[in-house]
PDB file of N, CA and C in Angstrom:
ATOM      1  N   MET A   1      72.512 -12.016 -25.029  1.00  0.00           N
ATOM      2  CA  MET A   1      74.020 -12.343 -24.062  1.00  0.00           C
ATOM      3  C   MET A   1      75.108 -12.509 -25.196  1.00  0.00           C
ATOM      4  N   SER A   2      75.734 -11.427 -24.646  1.00  0.00           N
ATOM      5  CA  SER A   2      76.874 -11.391 -25.791  1.00  0.00           C
ATOM      6  C   SER A   2      77.249 -12.817 -25.816  1.00  0.00           C
ATOM      7  N   ARG A   3      78.450 -12.313 -27.135  1.00  0.00           N
ATOM      8  CA  ARG A   3      79.540 -13.895 -27.099  1.00  0.00           C
ATOM      9  C   ARG A   3      80.124 -13.202 -26.500  1.00  0.00           C
ATOM     10  N   PRO A   4      81.346 -13.049 -25.655  1.00  0.00           N
ATOM     11  CA  PRO A   4      82.006 -13.220 -24.927  1.00  0.00           C
ATOM     12  C   PRO A   4      81.270 -13.510 -23.269  1.00  0.00           C
ATOM     13  N   LYS A   5      80.297 -13.687 -23.028  1.00  0.00           N
ATOM     14  CA  LYS A   5      79.350 -13.775 -22.110  1.00  0.00           C
ATOM     15  C   LYS A   5      78.989 -15.414 -22.306  1.00  0.00           C
ATOM     16  N   LEU A   6      79.141 -15.600 -23.044  1.00  0.00           N
ATOM     17  CA  LEU A   6      78.879 -17.709 -23.841  1.00  0.00           C
ATOM     18  C   LEU A   6      79.985 -17.760 -23.564  1.00  0.00           C
ATOM     19  N   ILE A   7      81.505 -17.746 -23.754  1.00  0.00           N
ATOM     20  CA  ILE A   7      82.499 -18.341 -23.946  1.00  0.00           C
ATOM     21  C   ILE A   7      82.754 -17.821 -22.765  1.00  0.00           C
ATOM     22  N   LYS A   8      81.819 -17.422 -21.726  1.00  0.00           N
ATOM     23  CA  LYS A   8      82.492 -17.044 -20.050  1.00  0.00           C
ATOM     24  C   LYS A   8      81.932 -18.737 -19.689  1.00  0.00           C
ATOM     25  N   GLN A   9      80.708 -18.555 -19.845  1.00  0.00           N
ATOM     26  CA  GLN A   9      79.959 -19.818 -19.152  1.00  0.00           C
ATOM     27  C   GLN A   9      80.716 -20.714 -19.176  1.00  0.00           C
ATOM     28  N   LEU A  10      79.993 -21.694 -21.031  1.00  0.00           N
ATOM     29  CA  LEU A  10      80.753 -22.580 -21.615  1.00  0.00           C
ATOM     30  C   LEU A  10      82.183 -22.711 -20.446  1.00  0.00           C
ATOM     31  N   LYS A  11      82.875 -21.679 -20.524  1.00  0.00           N
ATOM     32  CA  LYS A  11      84.242 -22.132 -19.419  1.00  0.00           C
ATOM     33  C   LYS A  11      84.584 -22.926 -17.902  1.00  0.00           C
ATOM     34  N   GLU A  12      83.525 -21.880 -17.581  1.00  0.00           N
ATOM     35  CA  GLU A  12      82.980 -22.495 -16.318  1.00  0.00           C
ATOM     36  C   GLU A  12      82.302 -24.208 -16.375  1.00  0.00           C
ATOM     37  N   LYS A  13      81.332 -23.949 -17.272  1.00  0.00           N
ATOM     38  CA  LYS A  13      81.348 -25.274 -17.182  1.00  0.00           C
ATOM     39  C   LYS A  13      82.261 -26.316 -17.685  1.00  0.00           C
ATOM     40  N   ASN A  14      82.767 -26.343 -18.339  1.00  0.00           N
ATOM     41  CA  ASN A  14      83.919 -27.052 -19.287  1.00  0.00           C
ATOM     42  C   ASN A  14      85.425 -26.659 -19.010  1.00  0.00           C
ATOM     43  N   PRO A  15      85.746 -26.695 -17.784  1.00  0.00           N
ATOM     44  CA  PRO A  15      87.384 -25.432 -17.544  1.00  0.00           C
ATOM     45  C   PRO A  15      88.833 -26.306 -18.410  1.00  0.00           C
ATOM     46  N   GLN A  16      88.391 -27.746 -18.522  1.00  0.00           N
ATOM     47  CA  GLN A  16      90.508 -28.411 -19.262  1.00  0.00           C
ATOM     48  C   GLN A  16      90.227 -27.819 -20.637  1.00  0.00           C
ATOM     49  N   LEU A  17      89.002 -26.996 -21.362  1.00  0.00           N
ATOM     50  CA  LEU A  17      88.897 -26.142 -22.741  1.00  0.00           C
ATOM     51  C   LEU A  17      89.780 -24.991 -22.074  1.00  0.00           C
ATOM     52  N   ASN A  18      90.301 -24.849 -23.615  1.00  0.00           N
ATOM     53  CA  ASN A  18      90.993 -22.946 -23.966  1.00  0.00           C
ATOM     54  C   ASN A  18      90.148 -22.085 -24.778  1.00  0.00           C
ATOM     55  N   HIS A  19      90.401 -20.858 -24.277  1.00  0.00           N
ATOM     56  CA  HIS A  19      89.756 -19.680 -24.996  1.00  0.00           C
ATOM     57  C   HIS A  19      89.132 -19.868 -26.112  1.00  0.00           C
ATOM     58  N   SER A  20      90.554 -20.660 -26.761  1.00  0.00           N
ATOM     59  CA  SER A  20      90.615 -19.922 -27.349  1.00  0.00           C
ATOM     60  C   SER A  20      89.546 -21.742 -29.093  1.00  0.00           C
ATOM     61  N   GLU A  21      90.096 -22.881 -27.480  1.00  0.00           N
ATOM     62  CA  GLU A  21      88.891 -23.482 -28.334  1.00  0.00           C
ATOM     63  C   GLU A  21      87.782 -24.111 -28.955  1.00  0.00           C
ATOM     64  N   LEU A  22      86.953 -23.171 -26.855  1.00  0.00           N
ATOM     65  CA  LEU A  22      85.317 -22.377 -26.967  1.00  0.00           C
ATOM     66  C   LEU A  22      85.536 -22.089 -28.184  1.00  0.00           C
ATOM     67  N   MET A  23      86.623 -20.660 -28.607  1.00  0.00           N
ATOM     68  CA  MET A  23      86.697 -19.939 -29.808  1.00  0.00           C
ATOM     69  C   MET A  23      84.960 -20.570 -31.538  1.00  0.00           C
ATOM     70  N   SER A  24      86.755 -21.996 -31.020  1.00  0.00           N
ATOM     71  CA  SER A  24      86.220 -22.365 -31.878  1.00  0.00           C
ATOM     72  C   SER A  24      84.524 -23.084 -32.466  1.00  0.00           C
ATOM     73  N   VAL A  25      84.396 -24.451 -31.369  1.00  0.00           N
ATOM     74  CA  VAL A  25      83.349 -24.368 -31.514  1.00  0.00           C
ATOM     75  C   VAL A  25      81.954 -22.870 -31.074  1.00  0.00           C
ATOM     76  N   LEU A  26      81.746 -21.777 -31.488  1.00  0.00           N
ATOM     77  CA  LEU A  26      81.176 -21.256 -30.851  1.00  0.00           C
ATOM     78  C   LEU A  26      81.571 -21.322 -32.434  1.00  0.00           C
ATOM     79  N   ASN A  27      82.443 -20.860 -33.230  1.00  0.00           N
ATOM     80  CA  ASN A  27      82.382 -20.320 -34.704  1.00  0.00           C
ATOM     81  C   ASN A  27      81.556 -20.863 -35.927  1.00  0.00           C
ATOM     82  N   THR A  28      82.005 -22.592 -35.503  1.00  0.00           N
ATOM     83  CA  THR A  28      81.726 -23.692 -36.196  1.00  0.00           C
ATOM     84  C   THR A  28      79.736 -23.792 -36.063  1.00  0.00           C
ATOM     85  N   PHE A  29      79.775 -23.764 -35.370  1.00  0.00           N
ATOM     86  CA  PHE A  29      78.619 -23.530 -34.840  1.00  0.00           C
ATOM     87  C   PHE A  29      77.806 -22.891 -35.653  1.00  0.00           C
ATOM     88  N   SER A  30      77.336 -21.791 -35.021  1.00  0.00           N
ATOM     89  CA  SER A  30      77.297 -20.216 -36.406  1.00  0.00           C
ATOM     90  C   SER A  30      77.438 -20.018 -37.529  1.00  0.00           C
ATOM     91  N   GLU A  31      78.851 -20.931 -38.429  1.00  0.00           N
ATOM     92  CA  GLU A  31      78.801 -21.021 -39.649  1.00  0.00           C
ATOM     93  C   GLU A  31      78.524 -22.081 -40.344  1.00  0.00           C
ATOM     94  N   SER A  32      78.361 -22.642 -38.862  1.00  0.00           N
ATOM     95  CA  SER A  32      76.649 -24.072 -39.347  1.00  0.00           C
ATOM     96  C   SER A  32      75.420 -24.090 -40.084  1.00  0.00           C
ATOM     97  N   ILE A  33      74.846 -23.074 -39.268  1.00  0.00           N
ATOM     98  CA  ILE A  33      73.465 -22.405 -39.180  1.00  0.00           C
ATOM     99  C   ILE A  33      73.908 -21.310 -40.411  1.00  0.00           C
ATOM    100  N   LEU A  34      75.106 -20.452 -40.407  1.00  0.00           N
ATOM    101  CA  LEU A  34      74.637 -19.614 -42.061  1.00  0.00           C
ATOM    102  C   LEU A  34      74.778 -20.377 -43.078  1.00  0.00           C
ATOM    103  N   ASN A  35      75.960 -21.196 -43.505  1.00  0.00           N
ATOM    104  CA  ASN A  35      76.014 -22.281 -44.056  1.00  0.00           C
ATOM    105  C   ASN A  35      74.467 -22.974 -44.553  1.00  0.00           C
ATOM    106  N   ALA A  36      73.883 -23.606 -44.109  1.00  0.00           N
ATOM    107  CA  ALA A  36      72.611 -24.697 -43.851  1.00  0.00           C
ATOM    108  C   ALA A  36      71.654 -23.612 -44.456  1.00  0.00           C
ATOM    109  N   LEU A  37      71.410 -22.021 -43.881  1.00  0.00           N
ATOM    110  CA  LEU A  37      70.550 -21.204 -44.162  1.00  0.00           C
ATOM    111  C   LEU A  37      71.008 -21.120 -46.255  1.00  0.00           C
ATOM    112  N   LYS A  38      72.156 -20.708 -46.300  1.00  0.00           N
ATOM    113  CA  LYS A  38      72.691 -19.896 -47.722  1.00  0.00           C
ATOM    114  C   LYS A  38      72.259 -20.684 -48.416  1.00  0.00           C
ATOM    115  N   ASP A  39      72.553 -21.977 -48.188  1.00  0.00           N
ATOM    116  CA  ASP A  39      71.380 -22.786 -49.294  1.00  0.00           C
ATOM    117  C   ASP A  39      70.013 -23.700 -49.289  1.00  0.00           C
ATOM    118  N   GLN A  40      69.319 -22.294 -48.590  1.00  0.00           N
ATOM    119  CA  GLN A  40      68.109 -22.988 -48.807  1.00  0.00           C
ATOM    120  C   GLN A  40      67.866 -23.541 -47.689  1.00  0.00           C
ATOM    121  N   LYS A  41      68.105 -24.412 -46.325  1.00  0.00           N
ATOM    122  CA  LYS A  41      67.653 -25.584 -45.509  1.00  0.00           C
ATOM    123  C   LYS A  41      67.899 -24.600 -44.963  1.00  0.00           C
ATOM    124  N   THR A  42      66.747 -25.651 -44.084  1.00  0.00           N
ATOM    125  CA  THR A  42      65.386 -24.939 -42.516  1.00  0.00           C
ATOM    126  C   THR A  42      66.986 -25.274 -41.170  1.00  0.00           C
ATOM    127  N   VAL A  43      67.283 -25.464 -40.091  1.00  0.00           N
ATOM    128  CA  VAL A  43      67.503 -25.466 -39.483  1.00  0.00           C
ATOM    129  C   VAL A  43      67.094 -25.768 -37.881  1.00  0.00           C
ATOM    130  N   HIS A  44      66.565 -26.915 -38.010  1.00  0.00           N
ATOM    131  CA  HIS A  44      66.217 -27.947 -36.534  1.00  0.00           C
ATOM    132  C   HIS A  44      67.494 -27.463 -35.388  1.00  0.00           C
ATOM    133  N   ILE A  45      67.072 -27.220 -34.413  1.00  0.00           N
ATOM    134  CA  ILE A  45      67.957 -27.772 -33.478  1.00  0.00           C
ATOM    135  C   ILE A  45      66.755 -28.129 -31.957  1.00  0.00           C
ATOM    136  N   LYS A  46      66.110 -29.321 -31.374  1.00  0.00           N
ATOM    137  CA  LYS A  46      65.023 -29.772 -30.878  1.00  0.00           C
ATOM    138  C   LYS A  46      65.655 -28.870 -29.562  1.00  0.00           C
ATOM    139  N   GLY A  47      64.957 -28.389 -28.908  1.00  0.00           N
ATOM    140  CA  GLY A  47      64.656 -28.641 -27.944  1.00  0.00           C
ATOM    141  C   GLY A  47      64.791 -25.903 -27.568  1.00  0.00           C
ATOM    142  N   ILE A  48      65.375 -26.040 -28.781  1.00  0.00           N
ATOM    143  CA  ILE A  48      65.148 -24.654 -28.765  1.00  0.00           C
ATOM    144  C   ILE A  48      64.607 -23.793 -29.770  1.00  0.00           C
ATOM    145  N   GLY A  49      64.542 -23.829 -31.676  1.00  0.00           N
ATOM    146  CA  GLY A  49      63.912 -24.289 -32.087  1.00  0.00           C
ATOM    147  C   GLY A  49      64.436 -24.748 -33.656  1.00  0.00           C
ATOM    148  N   ARG A  50      63.372 -23.489 -34.626  1.00  0.00           N
ATOM    149  CA  ARG A  50      64.196 -23.056 -35.707  1.00  0.00           C
ATOM    150  C   ARG A  50      64.325 -22.327 -36.515  1.00  0.00           C
ATOM    151  N   TRP A  51      65.530 -22.488 -37.403  1.00  0.00           N
ATOM    152  CA  TRP A  51      65.659 -21.303 -38.057  1.00  0.00           C
ATOM    153  C   TRP A  51      64.474 -21.695 -39.146  1.00  0.00           C
ATOM    154  N   TYR A  52      64.392 -20.753 -40.427  1.00  0.00           N
ATOM    155  CA  TYR A  52      63.586 -20.495 -41.474  1.00  0.00           C
ATOM    156  C   TYR A  52      63.551 -19.433 -42.461  1.00  0.00           C
ATOM    157  N   LEU A  53      64.227 -19.453 -44.101  1.00  0.00           N
ATOM    158  CA  LEU A  53      63.719 -18.752 -44.547  1.00  0.00           C
ATOM    159  C   LEU A  53      62.176 -18.418 -44.894  1.00  0.00           C
ATOM    160  N   LYS A  54      61.960 -16.821 -45.548  1.00  0.00           N
ATOM    161  CA  LYS A  54      60.471 -16.638 -45.744  1.00  0.00           C
ATOM    162  C   LYS A  54      60.710 -15.750 -47.196  1.00  0.00           C
ATOM    163  N   LYS A  55      60.449 -16.499 -47.856  1.00  0.00           N
ATOM    164  CA  LYS A  55      60.675 -15.561 -49.245  1.00  0.00           C
ATOM    165  C   LYS A  55      59.386 -14.828 -49.108  1.00  0.00           C
ATOM    166  N   LEU A  56      59.451 -12.547 -48.851  1.00  0.00           N
ATOM    167  CA  LEU A  56      59.027 -11.309 -48.909  1.00  0.00           C
ATOM    168  C   LEU A  56      58.619 -11.491 -50.760  1.00  0.00           C
ATOM    169  N   LYS A  57      57.940 -11.225 -50.161  1.00  0.00           N
ATOM    170  CA  LYS A  57      56.805 -10.751 -52.579  1.00  0.00           C
ATOM    171  C   LYS A  57      57.482  -9.076 -52.446  1.00  0.00           C
ATOM    172  N   GLU A  58      58.143  -8.766 -53.937  1.00  0.00           N
ATOM    173  CA  GLU A  58      58.150  -7.086 -53.619  1.00  0.00           C
ATOM    174  C   GLU A  58      56.933  -6.705 -54.242  1.00  0.00           C
ATOM    175  N   ASN A  59      56.493  -5.858 -53.559  1.00  0.00           N
ATOM    176  CA  ASN A  59      56.318  -4.380 -53.193  1.00  0.00           C
ATOM    177  C   ASN A  59      56.278  -3.112 -53.693  1.00  0.00           C
ATOM    178  N   PHE A  60      54.285  -2.807 -54.720  1.00  0.00           N
ATOM    179  CA  PHE A  60      55.325  -1.417 -55.386  1.00  0.00           C
ATOM    180  C   PHE A  60      54.600  -0.461 -54.827  1.00  0.00           C
ATOM    181  N   ASN A  61      53.343  -0.813 -53.763  1.00  0.00           N
ATOM    182  CA  ASN A  61      53.029   0.679 -53.826  1.00  0.00           C
ATOM    183  C   ASN A  61      52.953   0.899 -51.814  1.00  0.00           C
ATOM    184  N   SER A  62      54.518   0.965 -51.216  1.00  0.00           N
ATOM    185  CA  SER A  62      54.925   0.941 -49.840  1.00  0.00           C
ATOM    186  C   SER A  62      56.060   2.716 -50.633  1.00  0.00           C
ATOM    187  N   ARG A  63      55.392   2.776 -49.064  1.00  0.00           N
ATOM    188  CA  ARG A  63      55.968   4.129 -49.289  1.00  0.00           C
ATOM    189  C   ARG A  63      56.670   4.889 -47.833  1.00  0.00           C
ATOM    190  N   ASN A  64      57.228   6.364 -48.399  1.00  0.00           N
ATOM    191  CA  ASN A  64      58.177   6.538 -47.940  1.00  0.00           C
ATOM    192  C   ASN A  64      57.113   7.155 -46.723  1.00  0.00           C
ATOM    193  N   PRO A  65      57.149   7.304 -45.170  1.00  0.00           N
ATOM    194  CA  PRO A  65      56.312   7.677 -43.679  1.00  0.00           C
ATOM    195  C   PRO A  65      56.649   9.337 -44.229  1.00  0.00           C
ATOM    196  N   ALA A  66      58.549   8.730 -44.010  1.00  0.00           N
ATOM    197  CA  ALA A  66      58.548  10.500 -43.227  1.00  0.00           C
ATOM    198  C   ALA A  66      58.161  11.830 -44.746  1.00  0.00           C
ATOM    199  N   THR A  67      58.110  11.015 -45.889  1.00  0.00           N
ATOM    200  CA  THR A  67      57.613  11.939 -46.978  1.00  0.00           C
ATOM    201  C   THR A  67      56.633  11.597 -48.339  1.00  0.00           C
ATOM    202  N   SER A  68      56.032  10.285 -47.857  1.00  0.00           N
ATOM    203  CA  SER A  68      55.160   9.974 -48.981  1.00  0.00           C
ATOM    204  C   SER A  68      55.164   9.468 -49.725  1.00  0.00           C
ATOM    205  N   GLU A  69      56.880   9.193 -49.935  1.00  0.00           N
ATOM    206  CA  GLU A  69      56.792   9.663 -51.857  1.00  0.00           C
ATOM    207  C   GLU A  69      57.253   7.867 -52.170  1.00  0.00           C
ATOM    208  N   LEU A  70      56.675   6.925 -53.387  1.00  0.00           N
ATOM    209  CA  LEU A  70      55.965   5.716 -53.542  1.00  0.00           C
ATOM    210  C   LEU A  70      57.288   5.130 -53.471  1.00  0.00           C
ATOM    211  N   ILE A  71      57.635   3.277 -53.343  1.00  0.00           N
ATOM    212  CA  ILE A  71      59.213   3.019 -53.559  1.00  0.00           C
ATOM    213  C   ILE A  71      58.742   2.104 -53.911  1.00  0.00           C
ATOM    214  N   TYR A  72      59.972   1.140 -54.061  1.00  0.00           N
ATOM    215  CA  TYR A  72      59.805  -0.016 -55.023  1.00  0.00           C
ATOM    216  C   TYR A  72      60.436  -1.460 -53.959  1.00  0.00           C
ATOM    217  N   LYS A  73      59.892  -1.836 -54.118  1.00  0.00           N
ATOM    218  CA  LYS A  73      60.822  -2.650 -52.447  1.00  0.00           C
ATOM    219  C   LYS A  73      60.617  -4.761 -53.413  1.00  0.00           C
ATOM    220  N   PRO A  74      61.705  -4.894 -53.753  1.00  0.00           N
ATOM    221  CA  PRO A  74      62.015  -5.671 -54.393  1.00  0.00           C
ATOM    222  C   PRO A  74      62.444  -7.459 -54.167  1.00  0.00           C
ATOM    223  N   GLU A  75      61.311  -8.063 -54.500  1.00  0.00           N
ATOM    224  CA  GLU A  75      61.602  -9.268 -53.206  1.00  0.00           C
ATOM    225  C   GLU A  75      62.482  -9.595 -52.727  1.00  0.00           C
ATOM    226  N   ARG A  76      62.450 -10.328 -50.962  1.00  0.00           N
ATOM    227  CA  ARG A  76      63.380 -10.303 -50.875  1.00  0.00           C
ATOM    228  C   ARG A  76      63.103 -11.753 -50.012  1.00  0.00           C
ATOM    229  N   VAL A  77      63.790 -12.582 -49.216  1.00  0.00           N
ATOM    230  CA  VAL A  77      64.321 -13.506 -48.376  1.00  0.00           C
ATOM    231  C   VAL A  77      64.696 -13.360 -46.990  1.00  0.00           C
ATOM    232  N   LYS A  78      63.670 -13.173 -45.568  1.00  0.00           N
ATOM    233  CA  LYS A  78      64.791 -13.290 -44.542  1.00  0.00           C
ATOM    234  C   LYS A  78      64.128 -14.009 -43.657  1.00  0.00           C
ATOM    235  N   VAL A  79      65.257 -14.824 -42.176  1.00  0.00           N
ATOM    236  CA  VAL A  79      65.535 -15.247 -41.652  1.00  0.00           C
ATOM    237  C   VAL A  79      64.461 -14.977 -40.793  1.00  0.00           C
ATOM    238  N   ARG A  80      64.328 -16.602 -40.327  1.00  0.00           N
ATOM    239  CA  ARG A  80      62.812 -16.459 -39.644  1.00  0.00           C
ATOM    240  C   ARG A  80      62.721 -17.987 -38.447  1.00  0.00           C
ATOM    241  N   PHE A  81      62.344 -17.168 -37.193  1.00  0.00           N
ATOM    242  CA  PHE A  81      63.521 -18.090 -35.253  1.00  0.00           C
ATOM    243  C   PHE A  81      62.000 -18.920 -35.008  1.00  0.00           C
ATOM    244  N   LYS A  82      61.617 -20.139 -35.533  1.00  0.00           N
ATOM    245  CA  LYS A  82      59.939 -19.521 -34.365  1.00  0.00           C
ATOM    246  C   LYS A  82      60.980 -20.951 -32.821  1.00  0.00           C
ATOM    247  N   ALA A  83      60.849 -20.292 -31.227  1.00  0.00           N
ATOM    248  CA  ALA A  83      60.614 -21.273 -30.754  1.00  0.00           C
ATOM    249  C   ALA A  83      60.047 -22.730 -30.474  1.00  0.00           C
ATOM    250  N   SER A  84      61.226 -23.812 -30.256  1.00  0.00           N
ATOM    251  CA  SER A  84      59.879 -24.729 -29.790  1.00  0.00           C
ATOM    252  C   SER A  84      59.348 -24.768 -29.041  1.00  0.00           C
ATOM    253  N   LYS A  85      57.292 -25.462 -27.945  1.00  0.00           N
ATOM    254  CA  LYS A  85      57.188 -25.977 -26.868  1.00  0.00           C
ATOM    255  C   LYS A  85      57.452 -25.775 -25.996  1.00  0.00           C
ATOM    256  N   LYS A  86      58.980 -26.341 -25.839  1.00  0.00           N
ATOM    257  CA  LYS A  86      59.838 -26.706 -24.572  1.00  0.00           C
ATOM    258  C   LYS A  86      60.020 -26.000 -24.094  1.00  0.00           C
ATOM    259  N   LEU A  87      61.073 -24.402 -25.062  1.00  0.00           N
ATOM    260  CA  LEU A  87      61.603 -22.881 -24.688  1.00  0.00           C
ATOM    261  C   LEU A  87      60.759 -22.477 -24.092  1.00  0.00           C
ATOM    262  N   ILE A  88      59.610 -21.769 -25.052  1.00  0.00           N
ATOM    263  CA  ILE A  88      58.068 -21.294 -24.207  1.00  0.00           C
ATOM    264  C   ILE A  88      58.387 -21.402 -23.376  1.00  0.00           C
ATOM    265  N   LYS A  89      57.592 -22.835 -23.140  1.00  0.00           N
ATOM    266  CA  LYS A  89      57.357 -23.160 -21.653  1.00  0.00           C
ATOM    267  C   LYS A  89      58.507 -22.946 -20.795  1.00  0.00           C
ATOM    268  N   LEU A  90      59.177 -23.035 -20.891  1.00  0.00           N
ATOM    269  CA  LEU A  90      60.614 -23.149 -20.267  1.00  0.00           C
ATOM    270  C   LEU A  90      61.150 -21.499 -19.260  1.00  0.00           C
ATOM    271  N   ILE A  91      60.360 -20.290 -20.916  1.00  0.00           N
ATOM    272  CA  ILE A  91      61.006 -18.994 -19.920  1.00  0.00           C
ATOM    273  C   ILE A  91      59.877 -18.035 -19.866  1.00  0.00           C
ATOM    274  N   ASN A  92      58.080 -18.999 -19.587  1.00  0.00           N
ATOM    275  CA  ASN A  92      56.739 -18.752 -19.167  1.00  0.00           C
ATOM    276  C   ASN A  92      56.828 -18.800 -18.110  1.00  0.00           C
ATOM    277  N   GLU A  93      57.506 -19.917 -17.343  1.00  0.00           N
ATOM    278  CA  GLU A  93      57.648 -20.297 -15.610  1.00  0.00           C
ATOM    279  C   GLU A  93      58.166 -19.591 -15.437  1.00  0.00           C
TER     280      GLU A  93
END
């Protein structure tokens, strides 16, 4: 779902709010998740799931599949999402 579609659905459910207020709510929500992840915290929203950081080790033996050249991959951090049991159950119904 794209951001404009989400704002449109929020507008249908909350007609008293204008477009700029809905944008502000959505921006605040996404910024809060971003800031928590930047601070190395896990974000858990009951009924939806959790976002967490996973540290990936450095790798000296990676290969470029196109050229078979050895490349070095430094240690890095990735954002992962684990859906809640409730969300998985709703999707699979």
